[in-house]
Amino acid sequence: MLLRQQVLIEDWLVEYLKFLSEKYDLSYSEVIRLGLCAQFDEMITLAYPDIKSKIDKKKFLQLLHKSENIKESREELLKAISAVYFEARKTIEARMAKEKKAKHR
């Protein structure tokens, strides 16, 4: 479920988010969600090597670049974005479960 949140963002970051939104024809919110999910996934897997992610970042970037020029790859890109959300959620849930387990010791 998506919840509306109010977040303050530096102007230079707003410019970049708008740039990405226009370049890849994604909504501003989508770009923010995608960036947060990808970055949290990356940071958690770096901090906790036992938590593995199945996001293939190189493949995702290739799809992103491909979707700039080819309309048919748009559906493929949207599926990949959903996969990023799904995998990031699993990674975050694993991290939270680890924290919960540590608290109960």
PDB file of N, CA and C in Angstrom:
ATOM      1  N   MET A   1       0.843  -1.167   0.000  1.00  0.00           N
ATOM      2  CA  MET A   1       0.000   0.000   0.000  1.00  0.00           C
ATOM      3  C   MET A   1       0.894   1.237   0.000  1.00  0.00           C
ATOM      4  N   LEU A   2       0.543   2.185  -0.810  1.00  0.00           N
ATOM      5  CA  LEU A   2       1.305   3.426  -0.862  1.00  0.00           C
ATOM      6  C   LEU A   2       0.702   4.416   0.124  1.00  0.00           C
ATOM      7  N   LEU A   3       1.554   5.061   0.876  1.00  0.00           N
ATOM      8  CA  LEU A   3       1.121   6.082   1.830  1.00  0.00           C
ATOM      9  C   LEU A   3       1.740   7.407   1.439  1.00  0.00           C
ATOM     10  N   ARG A   4       0.962   8.441   1.518  1.00  0.00           N
ATOM     11  CA  ARG A   4       1.467   9.780   1.213  1.00  0.00           C
ATOM     12  C   ARG A   4       2.352  10.251   2.362  1.00  0.00           C
ATOM     13  N   GLN A   5       3.542  10.739   2.005  1.00  0.00           N
ATOM     14  CA  GLN A   5       4.499  11.237   2.988  1.00  0.00           C
ATOM     15  C   GLN A   5       4.992  12.601   2.543  1.00  0.00           C
ATOM     16  N   GLN A   6       5.297  13.436   3.505  1.00  0.00           N
ATOM     17  CA  GLN A   6       5.892  14.722   3.165  1.00  0.00           C
ATOM     18  C   GLN A   6       7.364  14.655   3.549  1.00  0.00           C
ATOM     19  N   VAL A   7       8.219  14.915   2.567  1.00  0.00           N
ATOM     20  CA  VAL A   7       9.658  14.809   2.779  1.00  0.00           C
ATOM     21  C   VAL A   7      10.319  16.069   2.225  1.00  0.00           C
ATOM     22  N   LEU A   8      11.270  16.599   2.974  1.00  0.00           N
ATOM     23  CA  LEU A   8      12.032  17.743   2.496  1.00  0.00           C
ATOM     24  C   LEU A   8      13.250  17.224   1.748  1.00  0.00           C
ATOM     25  N   ILE A   9      13.453  17.727   0.531  1.00  0.00           N
ATOM     26  CA  ILE A   9      14.552  17.265  -0.308  1.00  0.00           C
ATOM     27  C   ILE A   9      15.330  18.480  -0.803  1.00  0.00           C
ATOM     28  N   GLU A  10      16.637  18.391  -0.755  1.00  0.00           N
ATOM     29  CA  GLU A  10      17.498  19.481  -1.226  1.00  0.00           C
ATOM     30  C   GLU A  10      17.208  19.793  -2.690  1.00  0.00           C
ATOM     31  N   ASP A  11      17.354  21.047  -3.069  1.00  0.00           N
ATOM     32  CA  ASP A  11      17.013  21.473  -4.431  1.00  0.00           C
ATOM     33  C   ASP A  11      17.837  20.757  -5.504  1.00  0.00           C
ATOM     34  N   TRP A  12      19.112  20.484  -5.248  1.00  0.00           N
ATOM     35  CA  TRP A  12      19.943  19.794  -6.240  1.00  0.00           C
ATOM     36  C   TRP A  12      19.451  18.370  -6.471  1.00  0.00           C
ATOM     37  N   LEU A  13      18.918  17.745  -5.415  1.00  0.00           N
ATOM     38  CA  LEU A  13      18.393  16.393  -5.552  1.00  0.00           C
ATOM     39  C   LEU A  13      17.047  16.415  -6.281  1.00  0.00           C
ATOM     40  N   VAL A  14      16.237  17.420  -6.005  1.00  0.00           N
ATOM     41  CA  VAL A  14      14.964  17.578  -6.714  1.00  0.00           C
ATOM     42  C   VAL A  14      15.224  17.706  -8.214  1.00  0.00           C
ATOM     43  N   GLU A  15      16.218  18.500  -8.581  1.00  0.00           N
ATOM     44  CA  GLU A  15      16.565  18.665  -9.996  1.00  0.00           C
ATOM     45  C   GLU A  15      16.932  17.329 -10.633  1.00  0.00           C
ATOM     46  N   TYR A  16      17.722  16.539  -9.928  1.00  0.00           N
ATOM     47  CA  TYR A  16      18.140  15.248 -10.466  1.00  0.00           C
ATOM     48  C   TYR A  16      16.963  14.281 -10.577  1.00  0.00           C
ATOM     49  N   LEU A  17      16.104  14.264  -9.569  1.00  0.00           N
ATOM     50  CA  LEU A  17      14.933  13.391  -9.595  1.00  0.00           C
ATOM     51  C   LEU A  17      14.011  13.758 -10.758  1.00  0.00           C
ATOM     52  N   LYS A  18      13.820  15.053 -10.986  1.00  0.00           N
ATOM     53  CA  LYS A  18      13.004  15.499 -12.116  1.00  0.00           C
ATOM     54  C   LYS A  18      13.659  15.096 -13.444  1.00  0.00           C
ATOM     55  N   PHE A  19      14.967  15.240 -13.516  1.00  0.00           N
ATOM     56  CA  PHE A  19      15.707  14.840 -14.713  1.00  0.00           C
ATOM     57  C   PHE A  19      15.479  13.354 -15.014  1.00  0.00           C
ATOM     58  N   LEU A  20      15.627  12.499 -13.983  1.00  0.00           N
ATOM     59  CA  LEU A  20      15.429  11.063 -14.172  1.00  0.00           C
ATOM     60  C   LEU A  20      13.994  10.744 -14.569  1.00  0.00           C
ATOM     61  N   SER A  21      13.060  11.425 -13.931  1.00  0.00           N
ATOM     62  CA  SER A  21      11.645  11.216 -14.223  1.00  0.00           C
ATOM     63  C   SER A  21      11.347  11.494 -15.695  1.00  0.00           C
ATOM     64  N   GLU A  22      11.860  12.596 -16.195  1.00  0.00           N
ATOM     65  CA  GLU A  22      11.628  12.956 -17.597  1.00  0.00           C
ATOM     66  C   GLU A  22      12.395  12.031 -18.551  1.00  0.00           C
ATOM     67  N   LYS A  23      13.639  11.768 -18.230  1.00  0.00           N
ATOM     68  CA  LYS A  23      14.489  10.958 -19.113  1.00  0.00           C
ATOM     69  C   LYS A  23      13.931   9.550 -19.320  1.00  0.00           C
ATOM     70  N   TYR A  24      13.445   8.933 -18.234  1.00  0.00           N
ATOM     71  CA  TYR A  24      12.981   7.549 -18.319  1.00  0.00           C
ATOM     72  C   TYR A  24      11.458   7.421 -18.335  1.00  0.00           C
ATOM     73  N   ASP A  25      10.779   8.571 -18.432  1.00  0.00           N
ATOM     74  CA  ASP A  25       9.312   8.586 -18.497  1.00  0.00           C
ATOM     75  C   ASP A  25       8.688   7.825 -17.328  1.00  0.00           C
ATOM     76  N   LEU A  26       9.162   8.147 -16.142  1.00  0.00           N
ATOM     77  CA  LEU A  26       8.619   7.582 -14.908  1.00  0.00           C
ATOM     78  C   LEU A  26       8.080   8.727 -14.065  1.00  0.00           C
ATOM     79  N   SER A  27       7.127   8.435 -13.218  1.00  0.00           N
ATOM     80  CA  SER A  27       6.617   9.501 -12.348  1.00  0.00           C
ATOM     81  C   SER A  27       7.694   9.892 -11.337  1.00  0.00           C
ATOM     82  N   TYR A  28       7.570  11.092 -10.846  1.00  0.00           N
ATOM     83  CA  TYR A  28       8.500  11.604  -9.838  1.00  0.00           C
ATOM     84  C   TYR A  28       8.510  10.677  -8.613  1.00  0.00           C
ATOM     85  N   SER A  29       7.327  10.276  -8.175  1.00  0.00           N
ATOM     86  CA  SER A  29       7.212   9.370  -7.022  1.00  0.00           C
ATOM     87  C   SER A  29       7.872   8.024  -7.294  1.00  0.00           C
ATOM     88  N   GLU A  30       7.695   7.538  -8.513  1.00  0.00           N
ATOM     89  CA  GLU A  30       8.283   6.252  -8.897  1.00  0.00           C
ATOM     90  C   GLU A  30       9.808   6.320  -8.810  1.00  0.00           C
ATOM     91  N   VAL A  31      10.374   7.421  -9.279  1.00  0.00           N
ATOM     92  CA  VAL A  31      11.824   7.590  -9.240  1.00  0.00           C
ATOM     93  C   VAL A  31      12.319   7.605  -7.786  1.00  0.00           C
ATOM     94  N   ILE A  32      11.598   8.281  -6.911  1.00  0.00           N
ATOM     95  CA  ILE A  32      11.975   8.317  -5.493  1.00  0.00           C
ATOM     96  C   ILE A  32      11.888   6.920  -4.884  1.00  0.00           C
ATOM     97  N   ARG A  33      10.768   6.228  -5.107  1.00  0.00           N
ATOM     98  CA  ARG A  33      10.595   4.871  -4.567  1.00  0.00           C
ATOM     99  C   ARG A  33      11.682   3.939  -5.069  1.00  0.00           C
ATOM    100  N   LEU A  34      11.949   4.009  -6.360  1.00  0.00           N
ATOM    101  CA  LEU A  34      12.952   3.135  -6.958  1.00  0.00           C
ATOM    102  C   LEU A  34      14.332   3.408  -6.362  1.00  0.00           C
ATOM    103  N   GLY A  35      14.675   4.675  -6.235  1.00  0.00           N
ATOM    104  CA  GLY A  35      15.964   5.041  -5.649  1.00  0.00           C
ATOM    105  C   GLY A  35      16.099   4.579  -4.207  1.00  0.00           C
ATOM    106  N   LEU A  36      15.065   4.767  -3.420  1.00  0.00           N
ATOM    107  CA  LEU A  36      15.105   4.331  -2.025  1.00  0.00           C
ATOM    108  C   LEU A  36      15.240   2.812  -1.919  1.00  0.00           C
ATOM    109  N   CYS A  37      14.436   2.103  -2.693  1.00  0.00           N
ATOM    110  CA  CYS A  37      14.488   0.638  -2.635  1.00  0.00           C
ATOM    111  C   CYS A  37      15.854   0.113  -3.062  1.00  0.00           C
ATOM    112  N   ALA A  38      16.359   0.623  -4.175  1.00  0.00           N
ATOM    113  CA  ALA A  38      17.655   0.159  -4.668  1.00  0.00           C
ATOM    114  C   ALA A  38      18.766   0.473  -3.665  1.00  0.00           C
ATOM    115  N   GLN A  39      18.726   1.665  -3.083  1.00  0.00           N
ATOM    116  CA  GLN A  39      19.791   2.051  -2.165  1.00  0.00           C
ATOM    117  C   GLN A  39      19.712   1.308  -0.831  1.00  0.00           C
ATOM    118  N   PHE A  40      18.513   1.146  -0.292  1.00  0.00           N
ATOM    119  CA  PHE A  40      18.396   0.383   0.953  1.00  0.00           C
ATOM    120  C   PHE A  40      18.827  -1.065   0.740  1.00  0.00           C
ATOM    121  N   ASP A  41      18.437  -1.629  -0.387  1.00  0.00           N
ATOM    122  CA  ASP A  41      18.850  -2.995  -0.713  1.00  0.00           C
ATOM    123  C   ASP A  41      20.374  -3.092  -0.747  1.00  0.00           C
ATOM    124  N   GLU A  42      21.001  -2.138  -1.411  1.00  0.00           N
ATOM    125  CA  GLU A  42      22.465  -2.115  -1.535  1.00  0.00           C
ATOM    126  C   GLU A  42      23.144  -1.976  -0.165  1.00  0.00           C
ATOM    127  N   MET A  43      22.675  -1.041   0.628  1.00  0.00           N
ATOM    128  CA  MET A  43      23.305  -0.778   1.934  1.00  0.00           C
ATOM    129  C   MET A  43      23.136  -1.961   2.898  1.00  0.00           C
ATOM    130  N   ILE A  44      21.965  -2.562   2.889  1.00  0.00           N
ATOM    131  CA  ILE A  44      21.728  -3.701   3.792  1.00  0.00           C
ATOM    132  C   ILE A  44      22.615  -4.878   3.406  1.00  0.00           C
ATOM    133  N   THR A  45      22.725  -5.168   2.124  1.00  0.00           N
ATOM    134  CA  THR A  45      23.555  -6.307   1.705  1.00  0.00           C
ATOM    135  C   THR A  45      25.045  -6.036   1.944  1.00  0.00           C
ATOM    136  N   LEU A  46      25.444  -4.776   1.942  1.00  0.00           N
ATOM    137  CA  LEU A  46      26.834  -4.444   2.286  1.00  0.00           C
ATOM    138  C   LEU A  46      27.073  -4.579   3.789  1.00  0.00           C
ATOM    139  N   ALA A  47      26.115  -4.107   4.575  1.00  0.00           N
ATOM    140  CA  ALA A  47      26.262  -4.140   6.032  1.00  0.00           C
ATOM    141  C   ALA A  47      26.083  -5.550   6.606  1.00  0.00           C
ATOM    142  N   TYR A  48      25.277  -6.363   5.949  1.00  0.00           N
ATOM    143  CA  TYR A  48      24.980  -7.719   6.419  1.00  0.00           C
ATOM    144  C   TYR A  48      25.208  -8.700   5.275  1.00  0.00           C
ATOM    145  N   PRO A  49      26.431  -9.144   5.070  1.00  0.00           N
ATOM    146  CA  PRO A  49      26.755 -10.025   3.940  1.00  0.00           C
ATOM    147  C   PRO A  49      25.965 -11.333   3.914  1.00  0.00           C
ATOM    148  N   ASP A  50      25.423 -11.738   5.063  1.00  0.00           N
ATOM    149  CA  ASP A  50      24.623 -12.965   5.090  1.00  0.00           C
ATOM    150  C   ASP A  50      23.234 -12.751   4.476  1.00  0.00           C
ATOM    151  N   ILE A  51      22.826 -11.497   4.316  1.00  0.00           N
ATOM    152  CA  ILE A  51      21.560 -11.196   3.646  1.00  0.00           C
ATOM    153  C   ILE A  51      21.882 -10.964   2.171  1.00  0.00           C
ATOM    154  N   LYS A  52      21.322 -11.795   1.332  1.00  0.00           N
ATOM    155  CA  LYS A  52      21.601 -11.737  -0.106  1.00  0.00           C
ATOM    156  C   LYS A  52      20.446 -11.070  -0.851  1.00  0.00           C
ATOM    157  N   SER A  53      20.778 -10.384  -1.901  1.00  0.00           N
ATOM    158  CA  SER A  53      19.776  -9.756  -2.752  1.00  0.00           C
ATOM    159  C   SER A  53      19.831 -10.406  -4.128  1.00  0.00           C
ATOM    160  N   LYS A  54      18.675 -10.487  -4.761  1.00  0.00           N
ATOM    161  CA  LYS A  54      18.626 -11.057  -6.103  1.00  0.00           C
ATOM    162  C   LYS A  54      18.488  -9.983  -7.174  1.00  0.00           C
ATOM    163  N   ILE A  55      18.680  -8.716  -6.785  1.00  0.00           N
ATOM    164  CA  ILE A  55      18.611  -7.643  -7.774  1.00  0.00           C
ATOM    165  C   ILE A  55      19.893  -7.657  -8.596  1.00  0.00           C
ATOM    166  N   ASP A  56      19.728  -7.817  -9.894  1.00  0.00           N
ATOM    167  CA  ASP A  56      20.868  -7.761 -10.810  1.00  0.00           C
ATOM    168  C   ASP A  56      20.969  -6.320 -11.301  1.00  0.00           C
ATOM    169  N   LYS A  57      21.798  -5.543 -10.614  1.00  0.00           N
ATOM    170  CA  LYS A  57      21.879  -4.105 -10.881  1.00  0.00           C
ATOM    171  C   LYS A  57      22.366  -3.797 -12.290  1.00  0.00           C
ATOM    172  N   LYS A  58      23.316  -4.577 -12.791  1.00  0.00           N
ATOM    173  CA  LYS A  58      23.818  -4.347 -14.148  1.00  0.00           C
ATOM    174  C   LYS A  58      22.719  -4.599 -15.181  1.00  0.00           C
ATOM    175  N   LYS A  59      21.986  -5.674 -14.992  1.00  0.00           N
ATOM    176  CA  LYS A  59      20.898  -5.994 -15.924  1.00  0.00           C
ATOM    177  C   LYS A  59      19.822  -4.911 -15.864  1.00  0.00           C
ATOM    178  N   PHE A  60      19.531  -4.441 -14.662  1.00  0.00           N
ATOM    179  CA  PHE A  60      18.515  -3.401 -14.514  1.00  0.00           C
ATOM    180  C   PHE A  60      18.937  -2.117 -15.241  1.00  0.00           C
ATOM    181  N   LEU A  61      20.192  -1.727 -15.071  1.00  0.00           N
ATOM    182  CA  LEU A  61      20.682  -0.526 -15.748  1.00  0.00           C
ATOM    183  C   LEU A  61      20.655  -0.682 -17.263  1.00  0.00           C
ATOM    184  N   GLN A  62      20.966  -1.872 -17.759  1.00  0.00           N
ATOM    185  CA  GLN A  62      20.894  -2.128 -19.201  1.00  0.00           C
ATOM    186  C   GLN A  62      19.458  -1.945 -19.699  1.00  0.00           C
ATOM    187  N   LEU A  63      18.498  -2.472 -18.931  1.00  0.00           N
ATOM    188  CA  LEU A  63      17.090  -2.324 -19.303  1.00  0.00           C
ATOM    189  C   LEU A  63      16.667  -0.861 -19.305  1.00  0.00           C
ATOM    190  N   LEU A  64      17.138  -0.138 -18.313  1.00  0.00           N
ATOM    191  CA  LEU A  64      16.808   1.280 -18.198  1.00  0.00           C
ATOM    192  C   LEU A  64      17.298   2.039 -19.426  1.00  0.00           C
ATOM    193  N   HIS A  65      18.527   1.796 -19.812  1.00  0.00           N
ATOM    194  CA  HIS A  65      19.086   2.474 -20.981  1.00  0.00           C
ATOM    195  C   HIS A  65      18.396   2.029 -22.274  1.00  0.00           C
ATOM    196  N   LYS A  66      18.075   0.758 -22.342  1.00  0.00           N
ATOM    197  CA  LYS A  66      17.403   0.219 -23.527  1.00  0.00           C
ATOM    198  C   LYS A  66      16.009   0.841 -23.669  1.00  0.00           C
ATOM    199  N   SER A  67      15.329   1.060 -22.537  1.00  0.00           N
ATOM    200  CA  SER A  67      13.955   1.567 -22.580  1.00  0.00           C
ATOM    201  C   SER A  67      13.882   3.015 -23.054  1.00  0.00           C
ATOM    202  N   GLU A  68      14.999   3.716 -23.050  1.00  0.00           N
ATOM    203  CA  GLU A  68      15.024   5.099 -23.539  1.00  0.00           C
ATOM    204  C   GLU A  68      14.673   5.159 -25.022  1.00  0.00           C
ATOM    205  N   ASN A  69      15.094   4.171 -25.765  1.00  0.00           N
ATOM    206  CA  ASN A  69      14.980   4.210 -27.219  1.00  0.00           C
ATOM    207  C   ASN A  69      13.945   3.253 -27.799  1.00  0.00           C
ATOM    208  N   ILE A  70      13.592   2.233 -27.066  1.00  0.00           N
ATOM    209  CA  ILE A  70      12.725   1.186 -27.623  1.00  0.00           C
ATOM    210  C   ILE A  70      11.455   1.062 -26.785  1.00  0.00           C
ATOM    211  N   LYS A  71      10.332   1.378 -27.383  1.00  0.00           N
ATOM    212  CA  LYS A  71       9.046   1.343 -26.681  1.00  0.00           C
ATOM    213  C   LYS A  71       8.691  -0.071 -26.199  1.00  0.00           C
ATOM    214  N   GLU A  72       9.069  -1.098 -26.967  1.00  0.00           N
ATOM    215  CA  GLU A  72       8.714  -2.477 -26.606  1.00  0.00           C
ATOM    216  C   GLU A  72       9.368  -2.902 -25.289  1.00  0.00           C
ATOM    217  N   SER A  73      10.496  -2.304 -24.958  1.00  0.00           N
ATOM    218  CA  SER A  73      11.186  -2.706 -23.734  1.00  0.00           C
ATOM    219  C   SER A  73      10.571  -2.058 -22.494  1.00  0.00           C
ATOM    220  N   ARG A  74       9.588  -1.183 -22.707  1.00  0.00           N
ATOM    221  CA  ARG A  74       8.931  -0.492 -21.586  1.00  0.00           C
ATOM    222  C   ARG A  74       8.292  -1.487 -20.616  1.00  0.00           C
ATOM    223  N   GLU A  75       7.570  -2.454 -21.156  1.00  0.00           N
ATOM    224  CA  GLU A  75       6.917  -3.450 -20.300  1.00  0.00           C
ATOM    225  C   GLU A  75       7.962  -4.245 -19.515  1.00  0.00           C
ATOM    226  N   GLU A  76       9.046  -4.576 -20.173  1.00  0.00           N
ATOM    227  CA  GLU A  76      10.151  -5.296 -19.529  1.00  0.00           C
ATOM    228  C   GLU A  76      10.736  -4.455 -18.390  1.00  0.00           C
ATOM    229  N   LEU A  77      10.874  -3.158 -18.626  1.00  0.00           N
ATOM    230  CA  LEU A  77      11.388  -2.256 -17.594  1.00  0.00           C
ATOM    231  C   LEU A  77      10.445  -2.201 -16.395  1.00  0.00           C
ATOM    232  N   LEU A  78       9.158  -2.094 -16.656  1.00  0.00           N
ATOM    233  CA  LEU A  78       8.186  -2.024 -15.564  1.00  0.00           C
ATOM    234  C   LEU A  78       8.192  -3.303 -14.729  1.00  0.00           C
ATOM    235  N   LYS A  79       8.378  -4.444 -15.381  1.00  0.00           N
ATOM    236  CA  LYS A  79       8.495  -5.717 -14.655  1.00  0.00           C
ATOM    237  C   LYS A  79       9.764  -5.716 -13.798  1.00  0.00           C
ATOM    238  N   ALA A  80      10.847  -5.177 -14.341  1.00  0.00           N
ATOM    239  CA  ALA A  80      12.106  -5.114 -13.602  1.00  0.00           C
ATOM    240  C   ALA A  80      11.985  -4.194 -12.389  1.00  0.00           C
ATOM    241  N   ILE A  81      11.256  -3.086 -12.547  1.00  0.00           N
ATOM    242  CA  ILE A  81      11.038  -2.167 -11.420  1.00  0.00           C
ATOM    243  C   ILE A  81      10.265  -2.883 -10.328  1.00  0.00           C
ATOM    244  N   SER A  82       9.237  -3.638 -10.694  1.00  0.00           N
ATOM    245  CA  SER A  82       8.469  -4.421  -9.713  1.00  0.00           C
ATOM    246  C   SER A  82       9.361  -5.423  -9.004  1.00  0.00           C
ATOM    247  N   ALA A  83      10.274  -6.024  -9.743  1.00  0.00           N
ATOM    248  CA  ALA A  83      11.211  -6.987  -9.147  1.00  0.00           C
ATOM    249  C   ALA A  83      12.143  -6.296  -8.150  1.00  0.00           C
ATOM    250  N   VAL A  84      12.576  -5.080  -8.471  1.00  0.00           N
ATOM    251  CA  VAL A  84      13.419  -4.319  -7.537  1.00  0.00           C
ATOM    252  C   VAL A  84      12.654  -4.076  -6.243  1.00  0.00           C
ATOM    253  N   TYR A  85      11.395  -3.648  -6.356  1.00  0.00           N
ATOM    254  CA  TYR A  85      10.577  -3.417  -5.157  1.00  0.00           C
ATOM    255  C   TYR A  85      10.435  -4.697  -4.339  1.00  0.00           C
ATOM    256  N   PHE A  86      10.147  -5.789  -5.016  1.00  0.00           N
ATOM    257  CA  PHE A  86       9.941  -7.063  -4.333  1.00  0.00           C
ATOM    258  C   PHE A  86      11.213  -7.512  -3.613  1.00  0.00           C
ATOM    259  N   GLU A  87      12.333  -7.470  -4.311  1.00  0.00           N
ATOM    260  CA  GLU A  87      13.595  -7.921  -3.707  1.00  0.00           C
ATOM    261  C   GLU A  87      14.036  -6.991  -2.577  1.00  0.00           C
ATOM    262  N   ALA A  88      13.845  -5.695  -2.754  1.00  0.00           N
ATOM    263  CA  ALA A  88      14.196  -4.751  -1.689  1.00  0.00           C
ATOM    264  C   ALA A  88      13.335  -5.012  -0.448  1.00  0.00           C
ATOM    265  N   ARG A  89      12.077  -5.307  -0.677  1.00  0.00           N
ATOM    266  CA  ARG A  89      11.194  -5.611   0.456  1.00  0.00           C
ATOM    267  C   ARG A  89      11.683  -6.847   1.212  1.00  0.00           C
ATOM    268  N   LYS A  90      12.062  -7.887   0.457  1.00  0.00           N
ATOM    269  CA  LYS A  90      12.585  -9.101   1.106  1.00  0.00           C
ATOM    270  C   LYS A  90      13.863  -8.798   1.895  1.00  0.00           C
ATOM    271  N   THR A  91      14.747  -8.007   1.309  1.00  0.00           N
ATOM    272  CA  THR A  91      15.993  -7.641   1.982  1.00  0.00           C
ATOM    273  C   THR A  91      15.706  -6.850   3.260  1.00  0.00           C
ATOM    274  N   ILE A  92      14.814  -5.873   3.160  1.00  0.00           N
ATOM    275  CA  ILE A  92      14.463  -5.051   4.327  1.00  0.00           C
ATOM    276  C   ILE A  92      13.794  -5.903   5.402  1.00  0.00           C
ATOM    277  N   GLU A  93      12.900  -6.791   5.003  1.00  0.00           N
ATOM    278  CA  GLU A  93      12.240  -7.668   5.976  1.00  0.00           C
ATOM    279  C   GLU A  93      13.254  -8.587   6.662  1.00  0.00           C
ATOM    280  N   ALA A  94      14.232  -9.077   5.916  1.00  0.00           N
ATOM    281  CA  ALA A  94      15.282  -9.921   6.521  1.00  0.00           C
ATOM    282  C   ALA A  94      16.082  -9.115   7.541  1.00  0.00           C
ATOM    283  N   ARG A  95      16.398  -7.878   7.191  1.00  0.00           N
ATOM    284  CA  ARG A  95      17.133  -6.992   8.104  1.00  0.00           C
ATOM    285  C   ARG A  95      16.321  -6.713   9.366  1.00  0.00           C
ATOM    286  N   MET A  96      15.047  -6.434   9.215  1.00  0.00           N
ATOM    287  CA  MET A  96      14.180  -6.151  10.373  1.00  0.00           C
ATOM    288  C   MET A  96      14.025  -7.399  11.249  1.00  0.00           C
ATOM    289  N   ALA A  97      13.912  -8.564  10.631  1.00  0.00           N
ATOM    290  CA  ALA A  97      13.807  -9.812  11.391  1.00  0.00           C
ATOM    291  C   ALA A  97      15.075 -10.050  12.200  1.00  0.00           C
ATOM    292  N   LYS A  98      16.204  -9.750  11.611  1.00  0.00           N
ATOM    293  CA  LYS A  98      17.494  -9.880  12.299  1.00  0.00           C
ATOM    294  C   LYS A  98      17.532  -8.968  13.525  1.00  0.00           C
ATOM    295  N   GLU A  99      17.057  -7.757  13.370  1.00  0.00           N
ATOM    296  CA  GLU A  99      17.029  -6.783  14.467  1.00  0.00           C
ATOM    297  C   GLU A  99      16.089  -7.243  15.578  1.00  0.00           C
ATOM    298  N   LYS A 100      14.940  -7.745  15.181  1.00  0.00           N
ATOM    299  CA  LYS A 100      13.949  -8.226  16.141  1.00  0.00           C
ATOM    300  C   LYS A 100      14.509  -9.397  16.947  1.00  0.00           C
ATOM    301  N   LYS A 101      15.203 -10.305  16.240  1.00  0.00           N
ATOM    302  CA  LYS A 101      15.799 -11.472  16.871  1.00  0.00           C
ATOM    303  C   LYS A 101      16.872 -11.041  17.891  1.00  0.00           C
ATOM    304  N   ALA A 102      17.679 -10.068  17.528  1.00  0.00           N
ATOM    305  CA  ALA A 102      18.742  -9.571  18.410  1.00  0.00           C
ATOM    306  C   ALA A 102      18.160  -8.913  19.660  1.00  0.00           C
ATOM    307  N   LYS A 103      17.020  -8.253  19.544  1.00  0.00           N
ATOM    308  CA  LYS A 103      16.382  -7.592  20.688  1.00  0.00           C
ATOM    309  C   LYS A 103      15.867  -8.598  21.699  1.00  0.00           C
ATOM    310  N   HIS A 104      15.439  -9.760  21.215  1.00  0.00           N
ATOM    311  CA  HIS A 104      14.843 -10.766  22.091  1.00  0.00           C
ATOM    312  C   HIS A 104      15.872 -11.662  22.769  1.00  0.00           C
ATOM    313  N   ARG A 105      17.108 -11.387  22.548  1.00  0.00           N
ATOM    314  CA  ARG A 105      18.158 -12.207  23.183  1.00  0.00           C
ATOM    315  C   ARG A 105      18.494 -11.664  24.530  1.00  0.00           C
TER     316      ARG A 105
END
